[in-house]
Amino acid sequence: MASQDHEKVIHRKARPARDGCESRAMSSAKALRLSLARAADTLFDLALTVATVEQQRARLDQIDGILPEDGLILLLDGSGGARGAVCLDQQMMAALIEVQTTGRVRKGTAQPRPPTRTDAAMMAPLVDALMDGVDAEMGAEVDGYQPRGFCFGDRVDDLRSLALTLDAPAFEHFRVTVDLGPGAKTGWLDLLLPVRADPPKRPAASDRSAPDTAQMSDVILGAPVVLDAVLARLSLPLREACALKPGQTLPLDRETLTATRLVTAGGHLVAEARLGQVNGWRALRLVSAHAAPLPDLAEPAPRADDTPGPPALRETDSQKQPPRQDTTPSPPANATAEEGADPP
């Protein structure tokens, strides 16, 4: 329950920023989020909150590495013979069955069990409403959108059978993390849709000076980015790592609070930060970018009036004298005062 509560807090904090980005234009991820929440509320009167929607492109041979082995795998049939798939993890499947049989979602983690055809039949109405809602949202907001017409097809026993059933070379993979109950359970749903071929480009009209295209900055600013705050890295023997359990405490140095690293999903270092609190919430203060040193460690920039050479040979304002008219040759630099050399 502690991990579920922690995830719920993080999702609440990230939701305003996500909603602000998604409100600019309709996308497949936004349509999926809206359709799933509306279908759960309409069919089962279930308070379902979508926490995150992750999207990536995957090849057919990568499916067995991104879908869970113990999930409920459902085949989707679309228009034109297209095929996709939906996979629900154990927690989401258990929550949807509980709300249909008892009217509410029980708190706590459900015990894993093999999915059955009865489970698939109970998920079919939600899958049909989900895919119809995605087509409706995209058709209302996107000009020229062609409905894909996906609906529930059949249950698939395992990932190997699914790979043999699907025929598209590449798929759009959506992973939707949801809060069910709310707060009773946290689960996720995986959606695989075949990648559509790009439609042929129409020539621009002669009376238009420039095509109406989106700016690259708008596309980049609207792209989702996942950042992780890494406090420290620990090295443990394999037997100790396998013995870890919920509630166990790992010792960390105090310096880790001021040496937190902000990294992307691929492990790329973005910035260094310090861990703290703001109004009772955990917060990070960015200290420096990856390419720049910390401000308190940076070397001071040289002054414009600094001149090269030993400090003893630099003149101060009190030591400056008018130039002499003496034509006597200067003594060597290593001469001393006893040998007749004038002090610098």
Protein backbone atom coordinates (compact mmCIF):
# COMPACT_ATOMS: atom_id res chain seq x y z
CA MET A 1 0.00 0.00 0.00
CA ALA A 2 2.92 2.36 0.69
CA SER A 3 4.16 2.04 -2.89
CA GLN A 4 0.65 2.60 -4.26
CA ASP A 5 0.19 5.74 -2.12
CA HIS A 6 3.60 7.04 -3.24
CA GLU A 7 2.71 6.53 -6.89
CA LYS A 8 -0.60 8.25 -6.35
CA VAL A 9 1.12 11.37 -4.92
CA ILE A 10 3.61 11.50 -7.79
CA HIS A 11 0.81 11.13 -10.32
CA ARG A 12 -1.16 13.98 -8.72
CA LYS A 13 1.87 16.26 -8.84
CA ALA A 14 2.63 15.48 -12.49
CA ARG A 15 -0.98 15.69 -13.71
CA PRO A 16 -1.24 19.52 -14.07
CA ALA A 17 1.83 19.72 -16.31
CA ARG A 18 0.66 16.77 -18.37
CA ASP A 19 -2.82 18.20 -18.81
CA GLY A 20 -1.38 21.53 -19.90
CA CYS A 21 0.68 19.89 -22.65
CA GLU A 22 -2.10 17.61 -23.84
CA SER A 23 -4.71 20.37 -23.98
CA ARG A 24 -2.98 22.05 -26.92
CA ALA A 25 -3.99 19.49 -29.55
CA MET A 26 -5.62 16.09 -29.78
CA SER A 27 -3.21 13.15 -29.97
CA SER A 28 -3.54 9.37 -29.82
CA ALA A 29 -2.33 9.34 -26.20
CA LYS A 30 -4.81 12.01 -25.14
CA ALA A 31 -7.69 10.28 -26.94
CA LEU A 32 -6.76 6.99 -25.25
CA ARG A 33 -6.68 8.62 -21.81
CA LEU A 34 -10.06 10.31 -22.22
CA SER A 35 -11.73 7.27 -23.76
CA LEU A 36 -10.53 4.85 -21.06
CA ALA A 37 -11.71 7.03 -18.17
CA ARG A 38 -15.08 7.65 -19.85
CA ALA A 39 -15.64 3.96 -20.68
CA ALA A 40 -14.92 2.83 -17.09
CA ASP A 41 -17.29 5.45 -15.68
CA THR A 42 -20.10 4.71 -18.18
CA LEU A 43 -19.99 0.91 -18.09
CA PHE A 44 -19.01 0.10 -14.50
CA ASP A 45 -19.45 3.40 -12.61
CA LEU A 46 -15.76 3.03 -11.76
CA ALA A 47 -13.57 5.98 -10.76
CA LEU A 48 -10.56 5.34 -12.98
CA THR A 49 -7.76 7.91 -13.12
CA VAL A 50 -5.14 7.70 -15.85
CA ALA A 51 -1.77 8.53 -14.30
CA THR A 52 0.60 8.23 -17.28
CA VAL A 53 0.46 7.31 -20.95
CA GLU A 54 3.73 6.12 -22.51
CA GLN A 55 4.06 5.72 -26.26
CA GLN A 56 6.78 4.07 -28.30
CA ARG A 57 7.19 2.20 -31.58
CA ALA A 58 8.04 -1.51 -31.42
CA ARG A 59 8.77 -4.19 -33.99
CA LEU A 60 6.93 -7.49 -34.11
CA ASP A 61 9.92 -9.38 -32.70
CA GLN A 62 10.03 -7.06 -29.65
CA ILE A 63 6.53 -7.81 -28.39
CA ASP A 64 7.57 -10.60 -26.04
CA GLY A 65 9.91 -8.17 -24.25
CA ILE A 66 7.41 -5.36 -23.60
CA LEU A 67 4.23 -7.25 -22.61
CA PRO A 68 3.83 -9.11 -19.29
CA GLU A 69 3.75 -12.90 -19.44
CA ASP A 70 1.02 -13.28 -16.81
CA GLY A 71 -1.37 -10.64 -18.23
CA LEU A 72 -4.72 -11.11 -19.95
CA ILE A 73 -3.97 -10.89 -23.71
CA LEU A 74 -6.86 -9.95 -26.02
CA LEU A 75 -6.79 -9.83 -29.83
CA LEU A 76 -8.28 -6.84 -31.65
CA ASP A 77 -9.87 -6.99 -35.11
CA GLY A 78 -9.87 -3.80 -37.19
CA SER A 79 -11.08 -2.60 -40.54
CA GLY A 80 -9.29 -3.93 -43.60
CA GLY A 81 -8.11 -7.06 -41.78
CA ALA A 82 -5.82 -5.14 -39.42
CA ARG A 83 -5.00 -6.77 -36.10
CA GLY A 84 -3.93 -5.34 -32.78
CA ALA A 85 -3.81 -6.45 -29.16
CA VAL A 86 -4.68 -5.35 -25.63
CA CYS A 87 -2.96 -6.73 -22.52
CA LEU A 88 -4.19 -6.07 -18.96
CA ASP A 89 -1.94 -6.78 -16.00
CA GLN A 90 -3.13 -8.82 -13.00
CA GLN A 91 -4.10 -5.82 -10.85
CA MET A 92 -6.20 -4.08 -13.47
CA MET A 93 -7.91 -7.32 -14.48
CA ALA A 94 -8.72 -8.10 -10.83
CA ALA A 95 -10.09 -4.57 -10.22
CA LEU A 96 -12.40 -4.70 -13.25
CA ILE A 97 -13.71 -8.12 -12.25
CA GLU A 98 -14.27 -7.02 -8.63
CA VAL A 99 -16.25 -3.95 -9.64
CA GLN A 100 -18.47 -6.06 -11.91
CA THR A 101 -19.10 -8.80 -9.34
CA THR A 102 -19.14 -6.92 -6.00
CA GLY A 103 -19.72 -3.33 -7.10
CA ARG A 104 -16.43 -1.97 -5.71
CA VAL A 105 -12.67 -2.42 -5.94
CA ARG A 106 -11.07 -4.06 -2.93
CA LYS A 107 -8.00 -2.44 -1.45
CA GLY A 108 -4.72 -4.31 -1.56
CA THR A 109 -2.75 -6.27 -4.12
CA ALA A 110 -4.62 -9.10 -5.83
CA GLN A 111 -3.07 -12.56 -5.89
CA PRO A 112 -1.89 -13.51 -9.40
CA ARG A 113 -3.72 -16.30 -11.21
CA PRO A 114 -3.94 -17.62 -14.79
CA PRO A 115 -6.45 -15.63 -16.90
CA THR A 116 -9.47 -17.49 -18.31
CA ARG A 117 -11.93 -17.05 -21.17
CA THR A 118 -14.49 -15.81 -18.66
CA ASP A 119 -12.13 -12.99 -17.76
CA ALA A 120 -11.77 -12.13 -21.45
CA ALA A 121 -15.56 -12.06 -21.93
CA MET A 122 -15.93 -9.68 -18.98
CA MET A 123 -13.32 -7.33 -20.44
CA ALA A 124 -14.87 -7.28 -23.95
CA PRO A 125 -17.37 -4.41 -23.32
CA LEU A 126 -14.64 -2.17 -21.94
CA VAL A 127 -12.32 -2.90 -24.88
CA ASP A 128 -15.06 -2.14 -27.45
CA ALA A 129 -16.02 1.10 -25.72
CA LEU A 130 -12.35 2.09 -25.43
CA MET A 131 -11.59 1.67 -29.13
CA ASP A 132 -14.84 3.34 -30.22
CA GLY A 133 -14.04 6.27 -27.96
CA VAL A 134 -10.56 6.69 -29.44
CA ASP A 135 -12.00 6.85 -32.97
CA ALA A 136 -14.66 9.34 -31.83
CA GLU A 137 -12.14 11.64 -30.10
CA MET A 138 -9.70 11.61 -33.01
CA GLY A 139 -12.43 12.03 -35.61
CA ALA A 140 -13.86 15.07 -33.84
CA GLU A 141 -10.54 16.90 -33.48
CA VAL A 142 -8.30 15.74 -36.34
CA ASP A 143 -9.21 16.64 -39.91
CA GLY A 144 -9.17 13.73 -42.33
CA TYR A 145 -8.87 11.06 -39.62
CA GLN A 146 -9.93 7.60 -40.81
CA PRO A 147 -11.54 5.44 -38.06
CA ARG A 148 -9.63 2.23 -37.45
CA GLY A 149 -12.68 0.26 -36.27
CA PHE A 150 -10.90 -2.01 -33.77
CA CYS A 151 -13.01 -4.21 -31.49
CA PHE A 152 -12.62 -7.26 -29.25
CA GLY A 153 -11.69 -10.39 -31.21
CA ASP A 154 -10.59 -13.28 -29.00
CA ARG A 155 -8.38 -14.27 -26.10
CA VAL A 156 -4.78 -15.30 -26.81
CA ASP A 157 -3.10 -17.89 -24.60
CA ASP A 158 0.47 -16.52 -24.55
CA LEU A 159 2.85 -14.07 -26.17
CA ARG A 160 4.17 -16.63 -28.64
CA SER A 161 0.68 -17.24 -30.01
CA LEU A 162 0.13 -13.49 -30.21
CA ALA A 163 3.32 -13.00 -32.25
CA LEU A 164 2.14 -15.68 -34.69
CA THR A 165 -1.29 -14.05 -35.00
CA LEU A 166 -0.16 -10.48 -35.65
CA ASP A 167 1.14 -9.72 -39.13
CA ALA A 168 2.13 -6.03 -39.15
CA PRO A 169 5.90 -5.35 -39.13
CA ALA A 170 5.69 -2.50 -36.59
CA PHE A 171 3.24 -1.35 -33.90
CA GLU A 172 2.48 1.71 -31.83
CA HIS A 173 2.78 0.58 -28.19
CA PHE A 174 0.82 2.50 -25.55
CA ARG A 175 1.23 1.73 -21.83
CA VAL A 176 -1.49 3.35 -19.71
CA THR A 177 -0.94 3.37 -15.92
CA VAL A 178 -4.22 3.79 -14.02
CA ASP A 179 -5.36 4.37 -10.45
CA LEU A 180 -8.46 2.26 -9.73
CA GLY A 181 -10.90 2.81 -6.92
CA PRO A 182 -9.36 5.42 -6.52
CA GLY A 183 -6.36 4.36 -4.46
CA ALA A 184 -7.49 0.76 -4.06
CA LYS A 185 -5.30 -0.70 -6.81
CA THR A 186 -2.80 0.50 -9.38
CA GLY A 187 -2.49 -1.34 -12.69
CA TRP A 188 -1.71 -0.80 -16.32
CA LEU A 189 -2.98 -1.58 -19.80
CA ASP A 190 -0.86 -2.21 -22.90
CA LEU A 191 -2.28 -1.41 -26.33
CA LEU A 192 -0.67 -2.49 -29.62
CA LEU A 193 -1.91 -0.88 -32.85
CA PRO A 194 -0.31 -1.48 -36.26
CA VAL A 195 1.56 1.51 -37.65
CA ARG A 196 -0.34 3.17 -40.45
CA ALA A 197 1.35 4.11 -43.68
CA ASP A 198 1.74 7.85 -44.15
CA PRO A 199 -0.99 9.24 -46.45
CA PRO A 200 0.18 10.70 -49.77
CA LYS A 201 0.95 14.38 -49.56
CA ARG A 202 -1.34 16.67 -51.53
CA PRO A 203 0.28 19.48 -53.53
CA ALA A 204 -0.14 22.91 -51.99
CA ALA A 205 -2.62 25.27 -53.61
CA SER A 206 -1.13 27.91 -55.89
CA ASP A 207 -2.83 30.80 -54.08
CA ARG A 208 -1.15 29.95 -50.79
CA SER A 209 2.18 31.51 -50.01
CA ALA A 210 3.22 28.84 -47.46
CA PRO A 211 1.64 25.62 -46.13
CA ASP A 212 0.01 25.63 -42.71
CA THR A 213 2.46 23.47 -40.80
CA ALA A 214 3.29 23.29 -37.11
CA GLN A 215 6.49 24.84 -35.85
CA MET A 216 9.24 22.46 -34.77
CA SER A 217 9.38 24.16 -31.37
CA ASP A 218 5.69 23.38 -30.74
CA VAL A 219 6.25 19.72 -31.56
CA ILE A 220 9.29 19.44 -29.30
CA LEU A 221 7.69 21.26 -26.37
CA GLY A 222 4.65 18.99 -26.57
CA ALA A 223 6.67 15.75 -26.53
CA PRO A 224 6.43 13.72 -23.29
CA VAL A 225 9.64 13.32 -21.29
CA VAL A 226 10.21 11.07 -18.26
CA LEU A 227 12.94 12.20 -15.82
CA ASP A 228 14.19 10.17 -12.84
CA ALA A 229 15.95 11.57 -9.77
CA VAL A 230 18.80 9.23 -8.74
CA LEU A 231 19.96 9.70 -5.14
CA ALA A 232 22.71 7.09 -5.06
CA ARG A 233 23.85 3.82 -6.58
CA LEU A 234 24.44 0.85 -4.29
CA SER A 235 26.37 -2.34 -4.99
CA LEU A 236 24.92 -5.43 -3.33
CA PRO A 237 25.73 -9.14 -3.66
CA LEU A 238 23.16 -11.08 -5.61
CA ARG A 239 21.97 -13.00 -2.52
CA GLU A 240 21.29 -9.74 -0.65
CA ALA A 241 19.51 -8.18 -3.64
CA CYS A 242 17.27 -11.24 -3.95
CA ALA A 243 16.45 -11.03 -0.23
CA LEU A 244 15.11 -7.45 -0.40
CA LYS A 245 11.51 -7.07 0.76
CA PRO A 246 9.01 -4.23 1.34
CA GLY A 247 9.79 -2.10 4.37
CA GLN A 248 13.52 -2.81 4.37
CA THR A 249 15.80 0.20 4.87
CA LEU A 250 18.92 0.88 2.80
CA PRO A 251 21.57 3.21 4.33
CA LEU A 252 22.50 6.29 2.29
CA ASP A 253 25.14 8.93 2.90
CA ARG A 254 23.98 12.41 3.86
CA GLU A 255 25.85 13.81 0.87
CA THR A 256 23.39 12.12 -1.48
CA LEU A 257 20.82 14.83 -0.70
CA THR A 258 23.08 17.46 -2.28
CA ALA A 259 24.37 15.21 -5.09
CA THR A 260 21.11 14.06 -6.66
CA ARG A 261 21.31 13.44 -10.40
CA LEU A 262 18.44 14.01 -12.83
CA VAL A 263 18.56 11.46 -15.67
CA THR A 264 16.37 10.47 -18.59
CA ALA A 265 14.85 7.04 -19.16
CA GLY A 266 17.95 5.97 -21.11
CA GLY A 267 20.32 6.94 -18.28
CA HIS A 268 21.53 10.21 -19.88
CA LEU A 269 22.54 12.80 -17.26
CA VAL A 270 20.47 15.99 -17.63
CA ALA A 271 21.42 18.04 -14.58
CA GLU A 272 22.59 17.89 -10.99
CA ALA A 273 20.15 18.79 -8.25
CA ARG A 274 19.62 19.03 -4.49
CA LEU A 275 16.77 17.22 -2.72
CA GLY A 276 14.55 19.22 -0.40
CA GLN A 277 10.94 20.11 0.47
CA VAL A 278 8.50 22.79 -0.63
CA ASN A 279 5.20 23.17 1.24
CA GLY A 280 5.47 19.63 2.56
CA TRP A 281 6.22 18.07 -0.87
CA ARG A 282 9.50 16.55 -1.93
CA ALA A 283 11.21 18.85 -4.42
CA LEU A 284 14.40 19.13 -6.47
CA ARG A 285 16.40 22.29 -7.01
CA LEU A 286 18.43 22.24 -10.21
CA VAL A 287 22.01 23.20 -9.44
CA SER A 288 23.76 22.97 -12.80
CA ALA A 289 23.47 21.52 -16.25
CA HIS A 290 25.48 18.46 -17.22
CA ALA A 291 27.89 20.47 -19.39
CA ALA A 292 28.55 23.20 -16.78
CA PRO A 293 30.28 22.83 -13.37
CA LEU A 294 28.59 23.62 -10.10
CA PRO A 295 28.55 27.37 -9.33
CA ASP A 296 30.54 27.02 -6.08
CA LEU A 297 33.17 24.85 -7.81
CA ALA A 298 33.72 27.04 -10.85
CA GLU A 299 37.04 28.91 -11.09
CA PRO A 300 36.77 32.73 -10.96
CA ALA A 301 37.16 34.41 -14.30
CA PRO A 302 40.42 36.37 -14.80
CA ARG A 303 40.15 40.16 -14.47
CA ALA A 304 40.81 42.38 -17.43
CA ASP A 305 43.62 44.28 -15.65
CA ASP A 306 45.53 41.09 -14.75
CA THR A 307 48.85 40.78 -16.60
CA PRO A 308 50.94 37.64 -16.97
CA GLY A 309 54.10 37.23 -15.01
CA PRO A 310 55.13 36.76 -11.38
CA PRO A 311 53.06 38.73 -8.87
CA ALA A 312 56.22 40.48 -7.55
CA LEU A 313 56.79 42.18 -10.93
CA ARG A 314 53.31 43.80 -11.15
CA GLU A 315 53.11 47.47 -10.26
CA THR A 316 50.51 48.86 -7.96
CA ASP A 317 49.20 52.43 -7.99
CA SER A 318 51.49 53.39 -5.08
CA GLN A 319 54.57 51.99 -6.83
CA LYS A 320 54.06 53.62 -10.24
CA GLN A 321 56.72 56.21 -11.05
CA PRO A 322 57.24 58.48 -14.06
CA PRO A 323 59.57 57.01 -16.67
CA ARG A 324 63.23 57.88 -16.20
CA GLN A 325 65.28 59.58 -18.87
CA ASP A 326 68.30 57.48 -17.94
CA THR A 327 69.89 55.78 -20.96
CA THR A 328 71.83 53.32 -18.88
CA PRO A 329 71.07 49.74 -20.03
CA SER A 330 68.79 47.78 -17.68
CA PRO A 331 70.40 45.15 -15.47
CA PRO A 332 69.50 41.50 -15.95
CA ALA A 333 66.27 40.23 -14.32
CA ASN A 334 68.12 38.09 -11.75
CA ALA A 335 70.33 40.93 -10.49
CA THR A 336 70.09 41.86 -6.80
CA ALA A 337 70.03 45.27 -5.13
CA GLU A 338 73.63 44.90 -3.92
CA GLU A 339 74.86 44.66 -7.56
CA GLY A 340 73.49 48.13 -8.41
CA ALA A 341 70.17 47.12 -9.90
CA ASP A 342 67.21 49.36 -9.29
CA PRO A 343 64.25 47.67 -7.57
CA PRO A 344 61.30 47.02 -9.89
